[in-house]
Amino acid sequence: MGDGVLPLAPMLAQELRALLGKLRRRLREQGGEGDLTPSQVSVLLRLESDGPATAAAIARAEGMRQQSIGPIVAALEGAGLVSGAPDPHDGRQTLLALTDLFRKRVHDGRVAKQDWLTRTIAARLSVREQEQLASAVGLLKRLVED
């Protein structure tokens, strides 16, 4: 392990951040997420990780005002990505959950991203460069390990 900051480290950190941001945008384009706002994506990810929840619970978890969540949920319901059902513990509340359409869209998006990245690597990088990329991925994994 390195035990100091080389003059190269700050430049690598800056380039890596910019490059990963650009890669993330390209993958988002391939996955068809462009028609959702960041707030909508955040709510969908919250429901995907935490399971069904009330709008109030989502607002609290996201650090939003409860009034702000209404239009987001309405748009997601209108797009068929979220559905509501009475809360079995409190019939006055509505539990929001992800729909099968959302799950299909997520699956299709992940497949499209994987396919695009696989084709791009194969088309633009030689076998030797792919081996170098594999080594670099190993180094990147070390950067994010706890």
N, C-alpha and C. Protein backbone atom coordinates (compact mmCIF):
# COMPACT_ATOMS: atom_id res chain seq x y z
N MET A 1 0.83 -1.19 0.00
CA MET A 1 0.00 0.00 0.00
C MET A 1 0.87 1.24 0.00
N GLY A 2 0.44 2.27 -0.71
CA GLY A 2 1.16 3.53 -0.70
C GLY A 2 0.95 4.23 0.62
N ASP A 3 2.00 4.94 1.06
CA ASP A 3 1.87 5.62 2.34
C ASP A 3 2.10 7.12 2.20
N GLY A 4 1.87 7.65 1.01
CA GLY A 4 2.03 9.08 0.83
C GLY A 4 1.29 9.54 -0.40
N VAL A 5 1.21 10.83 -0.53
CA VAL A 5 0.56 11.41 -1.70
C VAL A 5 1.64 11.80 -2.68
N LEU A 6 1.64 11.15 -3.82
CA LEU A 6 2.57 11.50 -4.88
C LEU A 6 2.01 12.69 -5.64
N PRO A 7 2.85 13.42 -6.33
CA PRO A 7 2.33 14.55 -7.12
C PRO A 7 1.26 14.10 -8.13
N LEU A 8 1.28 12.85 -8.50
CA LEU A 8 0.34 12.32 -9.47
C LEU A 8 -1.05 12.08 -8.87
N ALA A 9 -1.14 11.84 -7.57
CA ALA A 9 -2.40 11.48 -6.92
C ALA A 9 -3.50 12.53 -7.09
N PRO A 10 -3.23 13.83 -6.86
CA PRO A 10 -4.32 14.81 -7.03
C PRO A 10 -4.85 14.85 -8.47
N MET A 11 -3.96 14.75 -9.44
CA MET A 11 -4.38 14.77 -10.84
C MET A 11 -5.21 13.52 -11.17
N LEU A 12 -4.78 12.37 -10.68
CA LEU A 12 -5.52 11.13 -10.90
C LEU A 12 -6.91 11.21 -10.26
N ALA A 13 -6.97 11.76 -9.05
CA ALA A 13 -8.26 11.89 -8.36
C ALA A 13 -9.21 12.76 -9.16
N GLN A 14 -8.73 13.87 -9.66
CA GLN A 14 -9.58 14.78 -10.44
C GLN A 14 -10.04 14.12 -11.74
N GLU A 15 -9.13 13.49 -12.46
CA GLU A 15 -9.49 12.84 -13.72
C GLU A 15 -10.44 11.67 -13.50
N LEU A 16 -10.21 10.92 -12.45
CA LEU A 16 -11.07 9.77 -12.16
C LEU A 16 -12.49 10.21 -11.83
N ARG A 17 -12.64 11.25 -11.01
CA ARG A 17 -13.98 11.77 -10.70
C ARG A 17 -14.70 12.22 -11.96
N ALA A 18 -14.00 12.97 -12.82
CA ALA A 18 -14.62 13.47 -14.05
C ALA A 18 -14.99 12.31 -14.98
N LEU A 19 -14.09 11.35 -15.11
CA LEU A 19 -14.32 10.20 -15.98
C LEU A 19 -15.49 9.35 -15.50
N LEU A 20 -15.54 9.09 -14.21
CA LEU A 20 -16.64 8.28 -13.68
C LEU A 20 -17.97 9.00 -13.83
N GLY A 21 -17.98 10.31 -13.67
CA GLY A 21 -19.20 11.08 -13.89
C GLY A 21 -19.68 10.95 -15.33
N LYS A 22 -18.73 11.04 -16.27
CA LYS A 22 -19.08 10.92 -17.69
C LYS A 22 -19.58 9.51 -18.00
N LEU A 23 -18.93 8.50 -17.44
CA LEU A 23 -19.37 7.11 -17.65
C LEU A 23 -20.77 6.91 -17.08
N ARG A 24 -21.02 7.46 -15.90
CA ARG A 24 -22.34 7.34 -15.28
C ARG A 24 -23.41 7.97 -16.18
N ARG A 25 -23.13 9.14 -16.76
CA ARG A 25 -24.09 9.79 -17.66
C ARG A 25 -24.33 8.94 -18.91
N ARG A 26 -23.26 8.38 -19.48
CA ARG A 26 -23.42 7.54 -20.68
C ARG A 26 -24.26 6.31 -20.38
N LEU A 27 -24.02 5.70 -19.23
CA LEU A 27 -24.80 4.53 -18.84
C LEU A 27 -26.26 4.91 -18.60
N ARG A 28 -26.48 6.06 -18.00
CA ARG A 28 -27.85 6.53 -17.77
C ARG A 28 -28.57 6.71 -19.10
N GLU A 29 -27.87 7.27 -20.09
CA GLU A 29 -28.45 7.44 -21.43
C GLU A 29 -28.84 6.09 -22.02
N GLN A 30 -28.01 5.09 -21.85
CA GLN A 30 -28.27 3.76 -22.41
C GLN A 30 -29.42 3.07 -21.70
N GLY A 31 -29.59 3.38 -20.41
CA GLY A 31 -30.62 2.71 -19.62
C GLY A 31 -31.98 3.36 -19.70
N GLY A 32 -32.10 4.47 -20.42
CA GLY A 32 -33.39 5.12 -20.60
C GLY A 32 -33.92 5.81 -19.37
N GLU A 33 -33.04 6.30 -18.50
CA GLU A 33 -33.47 6.97 -17.28
C GLU A 33 -33.66 8.47 -17.49
N GLY A 34 -33.41 8.95 -18.69
CA GLY A 34 -33.41 10.37 -18.95
C GLY A 34 -34.73 11.07 -18.73
N ASP A 35 -35.84 10.34 -18.71
CA ASP A 35 -37.14 11.00 -18.57
C ASP A 35 -37.60 11.11 -17.12
N LEU A 36 -36.78 10.71 -16.18
CA LEU A 36 -37.12 10.82 -14.76
C LEU A 36 -36.26 11.92 -14.12
N THR A 37 -36.88 12.67 -13.20
CA THR A 37 -36.13 13.69 -12.48
C THR A 37 -35.28 13.02 -11.39
N PRO A 38 -34.26 13.72 -10.91
CA PRO A 38 -33.47 13.15 -9.80
C PRO A 38 -34.33 12.81 -8.58
N SER A 39 -35.33 13.63 -8.28
CA SER A 39 -36.21 13.36 -7.13
C SER A 39 -37.03 12.09 -7.36
N GLN A 40 -37.51 11.89 -8.59
CA GLN A 40 -38.27 10.69 -8.90
C GLN A 40 -37.38 9.45 -8.78
N VAL A 41 -36.17 9.54 -9.30
CA VAL A 41 -35.24 8.42 -9.21
C VAL A 41 -34.95 8.11 -7.74
N SER A 42 -34.77 9.15 -6.94
CA SER A 42 -34.49 8.96 -5.52
C SER A 42 -35.62 8.23 -4.81
N VAL A 43 -36.86 8.62 -5.11
CA VAL A 43 -38.02 7.95 -4.50
C VAL A 43 -38.09 6.49 -4.94
N LEU A 44 -37.86 6.24 -6.23
CA LEU A 44 -37.89 4.86 -6.74
C LEU A 44 -36.81 4.01 -6.08
N LEU A 45 -35.62 4.57 -5.94
CA LEU A 45 -34.53 3.83 -5.30
C LEU A 45 -34.84 3.56 -3.83
N ARG A 46 -35.48 4.53 -3.17
CA ARG A 46 -35.87 4.35 -1.77
C ARG A 46 -36.86 3.19 -1.64
N LEU A 47 -37.87 3.17 -2.52
CA LEU A 47 -38.85 2.07 -2.48
C LEU A 47 -38.20 0.74 -2.84
N GLU A 48 -37.25 0.77 -3.76
CA GLU A 48 -36.57 -0.47 -4.14
C GLU A 48 -35.74 -1.01 -2.98
N SER A 49 -35.09 -0.15 -2.24
CA SER A 49 -34.24 -0.64 -1.15
C SER A 49 -35.02 -0.90 0.14
N ASP A 50 -36.03 -0.07 0.44
CA ASP A 50 -36.74 -0.19 1.72
C ASP A 50 -38.07 -0.91 1.63
N GLY A 51 -38.60 -1.08 0.42
CA GLY A 51 -39.90 -1.71 0.27
C GLY A 51 -41.04 -0.70 0.37
N PRO A 52 -42.29 -1.17 0.34
CA PRO A 52 -43.44 -0.28 0.36
C PRO A 52 -43.41 0.67 1.56
N ALA A 53 -43.87 1.91 1.32
CA ALA A 53 -43.87 2.93 2.37
C ALA A 53 -44.92 3.98 2.06
N THR A 54 -45.30 4.71 3.08
CA THR A 54 -46.22 5.83 2.88
C THR A 54 -45.44 7.01 2.30
N ALA A 55 -46.17 7.94 1.71
CA ALA A 55 -45.53 9.14 1.17
C ALA A 55 -44.83 9.90 2.29
N ALA A 56 -45.46 9.95 3.47
CA ALA A 56 -44.86 10.66 4.60
C ALA A 56 -43.54 10.02 5.01
N ALA A 57 -43.50 8.70 5.04
CA ALA A 57 -42.26 8.00 5.41
C ALA A 57 -41.16 8.24 4.39
N ILE A 58 -41.54 8.25 3.12
CA ILE A 58 -40.55 8.51 2.06
C ILE A 58 -40.03 9.94 2.19
N ALA A 59 -40.93 10.88 2.41
CA ALA A 59 -40.52 12.28 2.55
C ALA A 59 -39.53 12.42 3.71
N ARG A 60 -39.84 11.80 4.85
CA ARG A 60 -38.92 11.87 6.00
C ARG A 60 -37.57 11.26 5.65
N ALA A 61 -37.58 10.09 5.03
CA ALA A 61 -36.33 9.39 4.69
C ALA A 61 -35.50 10.19 3.69
N GLU A 62 -36.17 10.92 2.81
CA GLU A 62 -35.47 11.70 1.79
C GLU A 62 -35.16 13.12 2.24
N GLY A 63 -35.61 13.48 3.45
CA GLY A 63 -35.37 14.83 3.94
C GLY A 63 -36.16 15.88 3.18
N MET A 64 -37.36 15.51 2.75
CA MET A 64 -38.22 16.41 1.98
C MET A 64 -39.43 16.82 2.81
N ARG A 65 -40.04 17.93 2.43
CA ARG A 65 -41.31 18.30 3.03
C ARG A 65 -42.38 17.38 2.46
N GLN A 66 -43.35 17.04 3.28
CA GLN A 66 -44.40 16.12 2.85
C GLN A 66 -45.16 16.67 1.65
N GLN A 67 -45.33 18.00 1.58
CA GLN A 67 -46.04 18.60 0.46
C GLN A 67 -45.26 18.42 -0.85
N SER A 68 -43.94 18.30 -0.76
CA SER A 68 -43.11 18.17 -1.97
C SER A 68 -43.20 16.78 -2.58
N ILE A 69 -43.54 15.80 -1.79
CA ILE A 69 -43.53 14.42 -2.28
C ILE A 69 -44.76 14.12 -3.14
N GLY A 70 -45.86 14.82 -2.90
CA GLY A 70 -47.11 14.56 -3.62
C GLY A 70 -46.97 14.60 -5.14
N PRO A 71 -46.43 15.70 -5.71
CA PRO A 71 -46.29 15.75 -7.16
C PRO A 71 -45.35 14.68 -7.72
N ILE A 72 -44.33 14.33 -6.94
CA ILE A 72 -43.38 13.29 -7.38
C ILE A 72 -44.09 11.95 -7.46
N VAL A 73 -44.83 11.62 -6.40
CA VAL A 73 -45.57 10.36 -6.37
C VAL A 73 -46.63 10.33 -7.47
N ALA A 74 -47.32 11.45 -7.66
CA ALA A 74 -48.35 11.51 -8.71
C ALA A 74 -47.75 11.25 -10.08
N ALA A 75 -46.59 11.83 -10.35
CA ALA A 75 -45.93 11.60 -11.65
C ALA A 75 -45.52 10.14 -11.80
N LEU A 76 -45.01 9.54 -10.73
CA LEU A 76 -44.59 8.14 -10.79
C LEU A 76 -45.79 7.21 -10.96
N GLU A 77 -46.89 7.54 -10.30
CA GLU A 77 -48.11 6.75 -10.48
C GLU A 77 -48.63 6.91 -11.90
N GLY A 78 -48.61 8.12 -12.40
CA GLY A 78 -49.06 8.39 -13.76
C GLY A 78 -48.26 7.64 -14.81
N ALA A 79 -46.96 7.45 -14.52
CA ALA A 79 -46.09 6.71 -15.43
C ALA A 79 -46.20 5.20 -15.24
N GLY A 80 -46.98 4.78 -14.24
CA GLY A 80 -47.17 3.36 -14.00
C GLY A 80 -46.01 2.70 -13.27
N LEU A 81 -45.15 3.49 -12.62
CA LEU A 81 -43.97 2.94 -11.95
C LEU A 81 -44.22 2.65 -10.47
N VAL A 82 -45.23 3.31 -9.90
CA VAL A 82 -45.57 3.16 -8.49
C VAL A 82 -47.09 3.00 -8.39
N SER A 83 -47.52 2.18 -7.46
CA SER A 83 -48.96 2.06 -7.21
C SER A 83 -49.20 2.17 -5.71
N GLY A 84 -50.41 2.57 -5.36
CA GLY A 84 -50.77 2.72 -3.96
C GLY A 84 -51.85 1.74 -3.57
N ALA A 85 -51.79 1.30 -2.33
CA ALA A 85 -52.80 0.39 -1.77
C ALA A 85 -53.00 0.78 -0.31
N PRO A 86 -54.20 0.52 0.24
CA PRO A 86 -54.44 0.86 1.65
C PRO A 86 -53.44 0.15 2.57
N ASP A 87 -52.94 0.88 3.54
CA ASP A 87 -52.04 0.31 4.54
C ASP A 87 -52.85 -0.66 5.41
N PRO A 88 -52.44 -1.93 5.50
CA PRO A 88 -53.21 -2.90 6.29
C PRO A 88 -53.25 -2.56 7.78
N HIS A 89 -52.31 -1.75 8.26
CA HIS A 89 -52.26 -1.39 9.68
C HIS A 89 -53.01 -0.08 9.96
N ASP A 90 -53.19 0.74 8.93
CA ASP A 90 -53.89 2.02 9.09
C ASP A 90 -54.54 2.36 7.76
N GLY A 91 -55.80 2.02 7.61
CA GLY A 91 -56.52 2.20 6.36
C GLY A 91 -56.57 3.63 5.86
N ARG A 92 -56.26 4.59 6.72
CA ARG A 92 -56.25 6.00 6.29
C ARG A 92 -54.99 6.31 5.48
N GLN A 93 -54.00 5.48 5.60
CA GLN A 93 -52.72 5.68 4.92
C GLN A 93 -52.68 4.85 3.64
N THR A 94 -51.88 5.31 2.69
CA THR A 94 -51.66 4.56 1.46
C THR A 94 -50.22 4.11 1.41
N LEU A 95 -50.02 2.82 1.19
CA LEU A 95 -48.67 2.29 1.01
C LEU A 95 -48.32 2.34 -0.47
N LEU A 96 -47.20 2.94 -0.78
CA LEU A 96 -46.71 3.01 -2.15
C LEU A 96 -45.75 1.87 -2.39
N ALA A 97 -45.84 1.26 -3.55
CA ALA A 97 -44.96 0.15 -3.91
C ALA A 97 -44.60 0.24 -5.38
N LEU A 98 -43.51 -0.39 -5.73
CA LEU A 98 -43.07 -0.43 -7.12
C LEU A 98 -43.94 -1.40 -7.91
N THR A 99 -44.17 -1.07 -9.15
CA THR A 99 -45.00 -1.92 -10.01
C THR A 99 -44.13 -2.89 -10.80
N ASP A 100 -44.78 -3.86 -11.41
CA ASP A 100 -44.07 -4.79 -12.29
C ASP A 100 -43.47 -4.04 -13.48
N LEU A 101 -44.16 -2.99 -13.95
CA LEU A 101 -43.62 -2.19 -15.05
C LEU A 101 -42.29 -1.56 -14.64
N PHE A 102 -42.22 -1.03 -13.42
CA PHE A 102 -40.96 -0.47 -12.94
C PHE A 102 -39.87 -1.53 -12.94
N ARG A 103 -40.19 -2.70 -12.39
CA ARG A 103 -39.18 -3.77 -12.29
C ARG A 103 -38.70 -4.21 -13.68
N LYS A 104 -39.62 -4.25 -14.64
CA LYS A 104 -39.24 -4.60 -16.01
C LYS A 104 -38.34 -3.50 -16.60
N ARG A 105 -38.72 -2.25 -16.36
CA ARG A 105 -37.91 -1.14 -16.87
C ARG A 105 -36.51 -1.15 -16.28
N VAL A 106 -36.40 -1.42 -14.99
CA VAL A 106 -35.09 -1.48 -14.34
C VAL A 106 -34.27 -2.62 -14.94
N HIS A 107 -34.90 -3.79 -15.07
CA HIS A 107 -34.20 -4.93 -15.65
C HIS A 107 -33.73 -4.62 -17.06
N ASP A 108 -34.64 -4.11 -17.89
CA ASP A 108 -34.28 -3.79 -19.28
C ASP A 108 -33.19 -2.73 -19.34
N GLY A 109 -33.27 -1.75 -18.45
CA GLY A 109 -32.25 -0.70 -18.40
C GLY A 109 -30.89 -1.24 -18.03
N ARG A 110 -30.86 -2.14 -17.06
CA ARG A 110 -29.58 -2.74 -16.63
C ARG A 110 -28.99 -3.59 -17.75
N VAL A 111 -29.86 -4.33 -18.46
CA VAL A 111 -29.40 -5.14 -19.58
C VAL A 111 -28.84 -4.24 -20.68
N ALA A 112 -29.53 -3.14 -20.97
CA ALA A 112 -29.07 -2.21 -22.01
C ALA A 112 -27.73 -1.59 -21.64
N LYS A 113 -27.57 -1.21 -20.38
CA LYS A 113 -26.29 -0.64 -19.92
C LYS A 113 -25.16 -1.65 -20.05
N GLN A 114 -25.41 -2.87 -19.58
CA GLN A 114 -24.41 -3.92 -19.64
C GLN A 114 -24.03 -4.22 -21.08
N ASP A 115 -25.04 -4.31 -21.96
CA ASP A 115 -24.80 -4.60 -23.37
C ASP A 115 -23.98 -3.48 -24.02
N TRP A 116 -24.34 -2.23 -23.77
CA TRP A 116 -23.60 -1.11 -24.34
C TRP A 116 -22.15 -1.11 -23.88
N LEU A 117 -21.94 -1.30 -22.58
CA LEU A 117 -20.58 -1.28 -22.05
C LEU A 117 -19.76 -2.45 -22.57
N THR A 118 -20.36 -3.62 -22.66
CA THR A 118 -19.67 -4.80 -23.20
C THR A 118 -19.26 -4.57 -24.65
N ARG A 119 -20.21 -4.08 -25.46
CA ARG A 119 -19.91 -3.83 -26.88
C ARG A 119 -18.85 -2.73 -27.04
N THR A 120 -18.92 -1.71 -26.22
CA THR A 120 -17.96 -0.60 -26.32
C THR A 120 -16.57 -1.06 -25.94
N ILE A 121 -16.45 -1.83 -24.88
CA ILE A 121 -15.14 -2.36 -24.47
C ILE A 121 -14.57 -3.23 -25.58
N ALA A 122 -15.39 -4.14 -26.11
CA ALA A 122 -14.92 -5.05 -27.16
C ALA A 122 -14.53 -4.31 -28.43
N ALA A 123 -15.27 -3.26 -28.77
CA ALA A 123 -15.02 -2.54 -30.03
C ALA A 123 -13.84 -1.57 -29.93
N ARG A 124 -13.64 -0.97 -28.78
CA ARG A 124 -12.65 0.10 -28.67
C ARG A 124 -11.33 -0.30 -28.03
N LEU A 125 -11.31 -1.44 -27.36
CA LEU A 125 -10.10 -1.85 -26.67
C LEU A 125 -9.58 -3.17 -27.21
N SER A 126 -8.28 -3.22 -27.41
CA SER A 126 -7.65 -4.47 -27.83
C SER A 126 -7.69 -5.46 -26.66
N VAL A 127 -7.32 -6.70 -26.93
CA VAL A 127 -7.30 -7.71 -25.87
C VAL A 127 -6.34 -7.27 -24.77
N ARG A 128 -5.19 -6.75 -25.14
CA ARG A 128 -4.20 -6.27 -24.16
C ARG A 128 -4.79 -5.12 -23.33
N GLU A 129 -5.47 -4.19 -23.99
CA GLU A 129 -6.07 -3.07 -23.27
C GLU A 129 -7.19 -3.56 -22.34
N GLN A 130 -7.93 -4.58 -22.76
CA GLN A 130 -8.96 -5.15 -21.89
C GLN A 130 -8.32 -5.76 -20.65
N GLU A 131 -7.16 -6.39 -20.81
CA GLU A 131 -6.43 -6.93 -19.65
C GLU A 131 -5.97 -5.80 -18.73
N GLN A 132 -5.51 -4.69 -19.31
CA GLN A 132 -5.11 -3.53 -18.51
C GLN A 132 -6.31 -2.96 -17.76
N LEU A 133 -7.45 -2.91 -18.44
CA LEU A 133 -8.67 -2.42 -17.81
C LEU A 133 -9.06 -3.32 -16.64
N ALA A 134 -8.92 -4.63 -16.82
CA ALA A 134 -9.23 -5.56 -15.73
C ALA A 134 -8.34 -5.28 -14.52
N SER A 135 -7.08 -4.99 -14.75
CA SER A 135 -6.17 -4.63 -13.65
C SER A 135 -6.61 -3.33 -12.99
N ALA A 136 -7.00 -2.36 -13.81
CA ALA A 136 -7.44 -1.07 -13.28
C ALA A 136 -8.71 -1.24 -12.45
N VAL A 137 -9.61 -2.12 -12.88
CA VAL A 137 -10.84 -2.37 -12.12
C VAL A 137 -10.47 -2.93 -10.75
N GLY A 138 -9.48 -3.80 -10.70
CA GLY A 138 -9.02 -4.33 -9.43
C GLY A 138 -8.52 -3.22 -8.52
N LEU A 139 -7.80 -2.27 -9.07
CA LEU A 139 -7.31 -1.13 -8.28
C LEU A 139 -8.47 -0.26 -7.80
N LEU A 140 -9.44 -0.05 -8.66
CA LEU A 140 -10.61 0.75 -8.28
C LEU A 140 -11.37 0.08 -7.14
N LYS A 141 -11.48 -1.24 -7.19
CA LYS A 141 -12.14 -1.96 -6.10
C LYS A 141 -11.42 -1.71 -4.78
N ARG A 142 -10.09 -1.67 -4.81
CA ARG A 142 -9.31 -1.42 -3.60
C ARG A 142 -9.59 -0.03 -3.05
N LEU A 143 -9.87 0.94 -3.94
CA LEU A 143 -10.16 2.30 -3.49
C LEU A 143 -11.45 2.38 -2.69
N VAL A 144 -12.41 1.54 -3.00
CA VAL A 144 -13.71 1.65 -2.34
C VAL A 144 -13.91 0.63 -1.21
N GLU A 145 -12.96 -0.25 -1.02
CA GLU A 145 -13.07 -1.23 0.08
C GLU A 145 -12.93 -0.51 1.41
N ASP A 146 -13.65 -1.05 2.40
CA ASP A 146 -13.56 -0.47 3.76
C ASP A 146 -12.32 -0.93 4.46
